[in-house]
N, C-alpha and C. Protein backbone atom coordinates (compact mmCIF):
# COMPACT_ATOMS: atom_id res chain seq x y z
N UNK A 1 -38.80 -28.00 -46.07
CA UNK A 1 -39.71 -28.67 -47.15
C UNK A 1 -39.01 -28.00 -48.08
N UNK A 2 -38.16 -28.84 -49.30
CA UNK A 2 -37.72 -28.20 -50.35
C UNK A 2 -38.84 -28.17 -51.55
N UNK A 3 -38.65 -27.30 -52.04
CA UNK A 3 -39.65 -26.75 -53.56
C UNK A 3 -39.36 -27.16 -54.78
N UNK A 4 -39.90 -27.61 -55.65
CA UNK A 4 -39.40 -27.59 -56.76
C UNK A 4 -39.72 -25.95 -57.60
N UNK A 5 -38.64 -25.30 -58.05
CA UNK A 5 -38.58 -24.19 -58.51
C UNK A 5 -38.99 -24.86 -60.41
N UNK A 6 -39.48 -23.67 -60.93
CA UNK A 6 -39.81 -23.59 -62.46
C UNK A 6 -38.17 -23.03 -63.05
N UNK A 7 -37.91 -24.15 -64.30
CA UNK A 7 -36.80 -24.03 -65.04
C UNK A 7 -37.21 -23.76 -66.23
N UNK A 8 -36.60 -22.88 -67.42
CA UNK A 8 -37.05 -22.79 -68.74
C UNK A 8 -35.80 -22.70 -69.65
N UNK A 9 -36.26 -23.65 -70.81
CA UNK A 9 -35.39 -23.56 -71.56
C UNK A 9 -35.77 -23.46 -72.88
N UNK A 10 -34.90 -23.27 -74.20
CA UNK A 10 -35.40 -22.92 -75.54
C UNK A 10 -35.77 -24.13 -76.30
N UNK A 11 -36.67 -24.58 -76.75
CA UNK A 11 -37.08 -25.57 -77.37
C UNK A 11 -37.80 -25.29 -78.79
N UNK A 12 -37.84 -26.17 -79.29
CA UNK A 12 -38.32 -26.42 -81.06
C UNK A 12 -39.76 -26.31 -80.94
N UNK A 13 -40.48 -25.16 -81.45
CA UNK A 13 -41.72 -24.99 -81.81
C UNK A 13 -42.21 -24.86 -83.20
N UNK A 14 -43.21 -25.79 -83.80
CA UNK A 14 -43.42 -26.11 -85.04
C UNK A 14 -44.85 -25.15 -85.33
N UNK A 15 -44.79 -24.47 -86.23
CA UNK A 15 -46.05 -23.47 -86.52
C UNK A 15 -47.30 -24.30 -86.94
N UNK A 16 -48.08 -23.91 -87.24
CA UNK A 16 -49.56 -24.56 -88.22
C UNK A 16 -48.92 -24.85 -89.30
N UNK A 17 -48.05 -24.42 -90.01
CA UNK A 17 -47.87 -23.88 -91.66
C UNK A 17 -46.54 -24.69 -91.90
N UNK A 18 -45.71 -25.40 -90.64
CA UNK A 18 -44.58 -26.48 -90.55
C UNK A 18 -43.35 -25.87 -90.39
N UNK A 19 -43.53 -24.39 -90.10
CA UNK A 19 -42.12 -23.52 -90.12
C UNK A 19 -41.51 -23.66 -88.56
N UNK A 20 -40.19 -23.86 -88.50
CA UNK A 20 -39.53 -23.93 -87.18
C UNK A 20 -39.06 -23.13 -86.82
N UNK A 21 -39.38 -22.69 -85.09
CA UNK A 21 -39.12 -21.52 -84.58
C UNK A 21 -38.44 -22.05 -83.28
N UNK A 22 -37.78 -21.26 -82.48
CA UNK A 22 -37.57 -21.36 -81.14
C UNK A 22 -38.40 -20.51 -80.15
N UNK A 23 -38.67 -21.33 -79.45
CA UNK A 23 -39.59 -20.72 -78.04
C UNK A 23 -39.44 -20.91 -76.95
N UNK A 24 -39.20 -19.96 -76.09
CA UNK A 24 -39.12 -20.59 -74.59
C UNK A 24 -40.10 -20.87 -73.84
N UNK A 25 -39.83 -22.26 -73.19
CA UNK A 25 -41.28 -22.55 -72.15
C UNK A 25 -40.29 -23.46 -70.90
N UNK A 26 -41.26 -23.85 -70.30
CA UNK A 26 -41.20 -24.38 -68.96
C UNK A 26 -40.25 -25.69 -69.29
N UNK A 27 -39.37 -26.11 -68.77
CA UNK A 27 -38.58 -27.39 -68.65
C UNK A 27 -38.89 -28.06 -67.45
N UNK A 28 -39.38 -29.25 -67.86
CA UNK A 28 -39.54 -30.21 -66.61
C UNK A 28 -40.79 -30.02 -66.15
N UNK A 29 -41.69 -29.03 -66.52
CA UNK A 29 -43.25 -28.93 -66.05
C UNK A 29 -44.35 -29.93 -66.23
N UNK A 30 -45.34 -29.69 -65.58
CA UNK A 30 -46.16 -30.92 -65.49
C UNK A 30 -46.55 -31.21 -67.24
N UNK A 31 -46.95 -30.73 -67.90
CA UNK A 31 -47.15 -31.08 -69.38
C UNK A 31 -45.70 -31.52 -70.16
N UNK A 32 -44.70 -31.79 -69.64
CA UNK A 32 -43.89 -32.26 -70.30
C UNK A 32 -44.12 -33.28 -71.21
N UNK A 33 -44.86 -34.36 -70.42
CA UNK A 33 -44.80 -36.07 -71.35
C UNK A 33 -45.97 -35.52 -72.13
N UNK A 34 -46.66 -34.59 -72.33
CA UNK A 34 -47.70 -34.53 -73.79
C UNK A 34 -47.54 -33.08 -74.68
N UNK A 35 -46.62 -32.50 -74.12
CA UNK A 35 -46.20 -31.04 -74.89
C UNK A 35 -45.92 -31.10 -76.25
N UNK A 36 -45.15 -32.32 -76.50
CA UNK A 36 -44.58 -32.23 -77.60
C UNK A 36 -43.46 -31.37 -78.11
N UNK A 37 -42.42 -31.15 -76.98
CA UNK A 37 -41.38 -30.56 -76.94
C UNK A 37 -40.20 -31.30 -77.65
N UNK A 38 -39.13 -30.61 -78.13
CA UNK A 38 -37.96 -30.96 -78.75
C UNK A 38 -36.60 -30.16 -78.49
N UNK A 39 -35.74 -30.60 -78.37
CA UNK A 39 -34.60 -29.90 -78.30
C UNK A 39 -34.21 -28.32 -79.33
N UNK A 40 -34.29 -27.15 -79.07
CA UNK A 40 -34.06 -26.08 -79.85
C UNK A 40 -32.87 -26.53 -81.07
N UNK A 41 -33.23 -25.62 -82.28
CA UNK A 41 -32.31 -25.88 -83.56
C UNK A 41 -31.45 -24.69 -83.98
N UNK A 42 -31.80 -23.64 -83.29
CA UNK A 42 -31.46 -22.27 -83.02
C UNK A 42 -32.24 -21.40 -84.39
N UNK A 43 -33.52 -22.09 -84.77
CA UNK A 43 -34.22 -21.36 -85.63
C UNK A 43 -34.44 -20.09 -84.93
N UNK A 44 -35.26 -18.91 -86.06
CA UNK A 44 -35.69 -18.01 -85.40
C UNK A 44 -36.52 -17.79 -84.26
N UNK A 45 -36.49 -16.74 -83.38
CA UNK A 45 -37.40 -16.85 -82.02
C UNK A 45 -38.46 -16.52 -82.09
N UNK A 46 -40.06 -17.29 -81.85
CA UNK A 46 -41.03 -16.99 -81.79
C UNK A 46 -41.54 -16.33 -80.30
N UNK A 47 -41.92 -14.73 -80.70
CA UNK A 47 -42.31 -13.90 -79.36
C UNK A 47 -43.90 -13.59 -79.54
N UNK A 48 -44.24 -14.10 -78.49
CA UNK A 48 -45.94 -14.12 -78.55
C UNK A 48 -45.97 -12.35 -78.42
N UNK A 49 -47.12 -12.01 -78.96
CA UNK A 49 -47.75 -10.36 -79.38
C UNK A 49 -49.02 -10.32 -79.35
N UNK A 50 -49.60 -9.29 -79.59
CA UNK A 50 -50.92 -9.00 -80.08
C UNK A 50 -51.54 -10.06 -81.43
N UNK A 51 -50.25 -10.11 -82.48
CA UNK A 51 -50.43 -10.77 -83.54
C UNK A 51 -50.06 -12.20 -83.82
N UNK A 52 -49.26 -12.53 -82.63
CA UNK A 52 -48.95 -13.78 -82.77
C UNK A 52 -49.03 -14.41 -81.79
N UNK A 53 -49.57 -15.40 -81.39
CA UNK A 53 -49.80 -16.53 -79.93
C UNK A 53 -49.36 -17.64 -80.19
N UNK A 54 -48.65 -18.53 -79.39
CA UNK A 54 -48.25 -19.51 -79.53
C UNK A 54 -49.43 -20.74 -79.27
N UNK A 55 -49.51 -22.00 -79.51
CA UNK A 55 -51.19 -22.90 -79.04
C UNK A 55 -50.82 -23.28 -77.42
N UNK A 56 -52.25 -23.49 -76.75
CA UNK A 56 -52.16 -23.48 -75.26
C UNK A 56 -53.25 -24.45 -75.25
N UNK A 57 -53.35 -25.21 -73.91
CA UNK A 57 -54.38 -25.66 -73.26
C UNK A 57 -54.54 -25.17 -71.90
N UNK A 58 -55.90 -24.79 -71.66
CA UNK A 58 -56.36 -24.62 -70.35
C UNK A 58 -56.61 -25.47 -69.60
N UNK A 59 -55.89 -25.97 -68.63
CA UNK A 59 -56.36 -26.88 -67.63
C UNK A 59 -56.48 -26.18 -66.39
N UNK A 60 -57.79 -26.90 -65.75
CA UNK A 60 -58.29 -26.01 -64.31
C UNK A 60 -58.56 -26.89 -63.24
N UNK A 61 -57.98 -27.08 -62.41
CA UNK A 61 -58.26 -27.77 -61.08
C UNK A 61 -59.92 -27.53 -60.66
N UNK A 62 -60.74 -28.50 -60.79
CA UNK A 62 -62.05 -28.60 -60.14
C UNK A 62 -62.40 -27.91 -58.92
N UNK A 63 -61.47 -28.43 -57.80
CA UNK A 63 -61.82 -27.87 -56.41
C UNK A 63 -61.45 -25.98 -56.28
N UNK A 64 -60.32 -25.83 -56.49
CA UNK A 64 -59.93 -24.67 -56.23
C UNK A 64 -59.91 -23.50 -57.53
N UNK A 65 -60.34 -24.47 -58.36
CA UNK A 65 -60.38 -23.23 -60.05
C UNK A 65 -59.27 -22.47 -60.26
N UNK A 66 -58.20 -23.07 -59.67
CA UNK A 66 -56.86 -22.60 -59.91
C UNK A 66 -56.51 -23.03 -61.67
N UNK A 67 -55.93 -21.84 -62.59
CA UNK A 67 -55.46 -22.82 -63.87
C UNK A 67 -54.47 -22.73 -64.39
N UNK A 68 -53.65 -23.77 -65.13
CA UNK A 68 -52.78 -23.58 -65.83
C UNK A 68 -52.62 -23.50 -67.47
N UNK A 69 -51.92 -22.85 -68.43
CA UNK A 69 -51.91 -23.08 -69.76
C UNK A 69 -50.73 -23.31 -70.29
N UNK A 70 -50.01 -24.59 -70.43
CA UNK A 70 -49.05 -25.10 -70.99
C UNK A 70 -48.87 -24.70 -72.40
N UNK A 71 -47.72 -24.67 -72.88
CA UNK A 71 -47.52 -24.33 -74.33
C UNK A 71 -47.60 -25.36 -74.87
N UNK A 72 -48.11 -26.12 -76.40
CA UNK A 72 -47.77 -27.18 -76.97
C UNK A 72 -47.24 -26.88 -78.30
N UNK A 73 -45.93 -27.47 -78.30
CA UNK A 73 -45.00 -26.98 -79.66
C UNK A 73 -45.03 -27.70 -80.80
N UNK A 74 -46.36 -28.84 -80.93
CA UNK A 74 -46.50 -29.22 -82.23
C UNK A 74 -47.93 -29.29 -82.31
N UNK A 75 -48.47 -29.21 -83.45
CA UNK A 75 -49.89 -29.41 -84.14
C UNK A 75 -50.48 -30.81 -83.24
N UNK A 76 -49.98 -31.83 -83.84
CA UNK A 76 -50.13 -32.96 -83.57
C UNK A 76 -50.13 -33.49 -81.89
N UNK A 77 -49.30 -32.77 -80.92
CA UNK A 77 -49.55 -32.77 -79.82
C UNK A 77 -50.64 -31.86 -79.10
N UNK A 78 -51.20 -31.10 -79.61
CA UNK A 78 -51.74 -30.09 -79.40
C UNK A 78 -53.21 -30.77 -79.97
N UNK A 79 -53.30 -31.45 -80.82
CA UNK A 79 -54.63 -32.56 -81.38
C UNK A 79 -54.83 -33.63 -80.55
N UNK A 80 -53.86 -34.16 -79.86
CA UNK A 80 -53.83 -35.36 -79.29
C UNK A 80 -54.69 -35.22 -77.70
N UNK A 81 -54.77 -34.08 -77.50
CA UNK A 81 -55.45 -33.61 -75.87
C UNK A 81 -56.65 -33.56 -76.29
N UNK A 82 -57.92 -34.04 -75.35
CA UNK A 82 -59.01 -34.01 -75.14
C UNK A 82 -59.46 -32.93 -74.40
N UNK A 83 -60.85 -32.19 -74.58
CA UNK A 83 -61.11 -31.36 -73.83
C UNK A 83 -61.56 -32.37 -72.42
N UNK A 84 -61.29 -32.42 -71.23
CA UNK A 84 -61.61 -33.19 -70.33
C UNK A 84 -60.41 -34.41 -69.76
N UNK A 85 -59.52 -34.02 -70.19
CA UNK A 85 -58.09 -35.08 -70.30
C UNK A 85 -57.52 -34.70 -68.96
N UNK A 86 -56.95 -35.21 -68.47
CA UNK A 86 -56.38 -35.27 -66.65
C UNK A 86 -54.95 -35.02 -66.73
N UNK A 87 -54.46 -33.81 -66.35
CA UNK A 87 -52.88 -33.59 -66.07
C UNK A 87 -52.44 -33.24 -64.49
N UNK A 88 -51.36 -34.29 -64.29
CA UNK A 88 -51.05 -33.71 -62.94
C UNK A 88 -50.31 -32.65 -62.77
N UNK A 89 -50.55 -31.78 -62.03
CA UNK A 89 -49.65 -30.67 -61.94
C UNK A 89 -49.03 -30.52 -60.13
N UNK A 90 -47.75 -30.40 -59.98
CA UNK A 90 -46.99 -29.83 -58.93
C UNK A 90 -47.77 -28.70 -58.65
N UNK A 91 -48.48 -28.69 -57.41
CA UNK A 91 -48.44 -27.40 -56.47
C UNK A 91 -47.39 -26.96 -55.57
N UNK A 92 -47.07 -25.82 -55.53
CA UNK A 92 -45.91 -25.45 -54.60
C UNK A 92 -46.74 -25.64 -53.06
N UNK A 93 -46.42 -26.42 -51.71
CA UNK A 93 -46.45 -26.50 -50.68
C UNK A 93 -47.21 -28.07 -50.73
N UNK A 94 -47.19 -28.56 -51.67
CA UNK A 94 -48.04 -29.59 -51.26
C UNK A 94 -47.03 -30.82 -51.84
N UNK A 95 -46.76 -31.57 -50.87
CA UNK A 95 -46.10 -32.98 -51.35
C UNK A 95 -46.70 -34.23 -52.40
N UNK A 96 -47.83 -33.80 -52.95
CA UNK A 96 -48.12 -34.82 -53.93
C UNK A 96 -49.05 -33.93 -55.30
N UNK A 97 -49.10 -34.47 -56.36
CA UNK A 97 -49.77 -33.56 -57.27
C UNK A 97 -51.23 -33.60 -57.16
N UNK A 98 -51.66 -32.46 -58.01
CA UNK A 98 -53.00 -31.84 -58.24
C UNK A 98 -53.45 -32.76 -59.48
N UNK A 99 -54.80 -32.97 -59.92
CA UNK A 99 -55.43 -33.18 -61.29
C UNK A 99 -56.13 -32.12 -61.92
N UNK A 100 -55.76 -32.01 -62.77
CA UNK A 100 -56.02 -30.74 -63.43
C UNK A 100 -56.76 -31.05 -64.44
N UNK A 101 -58.21 -30.73 -64.95
CA UNK A 101 -58.77 -31.18 -66.08
C UNK A 101 -58.57 -29.97 -67.44
N UNK A 102 -58.60 -30.29 -68.81
CA UNK A 102 -58.51 -29.46 -69.85
C UNK A 102 -59.78 -29.06 -70.00
N UNK A 103 -59.87 -27.77 -70.25
CA UNK A 103 -61.70 -26.98 -70.34
C UNK A 103 -61.31 -26.56 -71.57
N UNK A 104 -60.26 -25.96 -72.08
CA UNK A 104 -60.22 -25.22 -73.38
C UNK A 104 -58.91 -25.47 -74.18
N UNK A 105 -58.95 -25.23 -75.37
CA UNK A 105 -57.96 -25.36 -76.23
C UNK A 105 -57.70 -24.16 -76.71
N UNK A 106 -56.78 -23.19 -76.68
CA UNK A 106 -56.52 -22.05 -77.25
C UNK A 106 -55.59 -22.00 -78.82
N UNK A 107 -56.27 -22.38 -79.97
CA UNK A 107 -55.11 -22.15 -81.17
C UNK A 107 -54.11 -21.39 -81.31
N UNK A 108 -53.12 -21.43 -82.29
CA UNK A 108 -51.98 -20.65 -82.53
C UNK A 108 -52.78 -19.16 -83.43
N UNK A 109 -52.22 -18.29 -83.17
CA UNK A 109 -52.67 -17.20 -83.75
C UNK A 109 -51.86 -16.54 -84.99
N UNK A 110 -51.39 -16.16 -85.87
CA UNK A 110 -50.52 -15.83 -86.94
C UNK A 110 -51.41 -14.64 -87.50
N UNK A 111 -50.53 -13.34 -88.04
CA UNK A 111 -51.36 -12.36 -88.74
C UNK A 111 -51.84 -13.14 -90.24
N UNK A 112 -52.27 -12.91 -90.95
CA UNK A 112 -52.77 -13.40 -92.31
C UNK A 112 -51.97 -12.45 -93.04
N UNK A 113 -51.10 -13.23 -94.52
CA UNK A 113 -50.33 -12.76 -95.19
C UNK A 113 -51.08 -12.70 -96.44
N UNK A 114 -50.85 -11.77 -97.21
CA UNK A 114 -51.93 -12.13 -98.34
C UNK A 114 -50.90 -11.12 -99.43
N UNK A 115 -51.48 -11.13 -100.50
CA UNK A 115 -50.68 -9.93 -101.72
C UNK A 115 -51.40 -8.40 -101.25
N UNK A 116 -50.27 -7.78 -101.69
CA UNK A 116 -50.71 -6.72 -101.49
C UNK A 116 -51.33 -5.70 -102.66
N UNK A 117 -51.86 -4.61 -102.23
CA UNK A 117 -52.70 -4.10 -103.95
C UNK A 117 -52.13 -2.99 -104.50
N UNK A 118 -51.71 -2.84 -105.83
CA UNK A 118 -50.99 -1.84 -106.52
C UNK A 118 -52.22 -1.44 -106.92
N UNK A 119 -52.25 -0.17 -106.54
CA UNK A 119 -53.14 1.12 -107.66
C UNK A 119 -52.72 1.55 -108.26
N UNK A 120 -53.18 1.80 -109.68
CA UNK A 120 -52.37 2.59 -110.88
C UNK A 120 -52.37 3.85 -110.37
N UNK A 121 -51.34 4.65 -111.05
CA UNK A 121 -51.19 6.43 -110.78
C UNK A 121 -52.25 6.78 -111.66
N UNK A 122 -52.96 7.88 -111.50
CA UNK A 122 -53.75 8.42 -112.20
C UNK A 122 -53.50 9.97 -112.62
């Protein structure tokens, strides 16, 4: 039986401030129809860390309780998905897709940027 392999590519990620980034993500995955991806432009690379995290939506199979958490490349695509929405996920070993339901929206996380304070010399 042939297996579908995960493939990855660099896509355009637009953060909540409207800044463009390059973000590595799954190419041709289950969320391709709804994740808002577009071809990368060579913008700086967004790397998830403890201070920065790209937006995702967690989907769960109600039978096996397995989860997938695809990346959402635009705020509009993220906002368009409602909790409870169904996503057809390809599961290894099965010839058909399995319906997963959106259970949680994980918003983007960026560090706060504020003015630095200058103390007077005494």
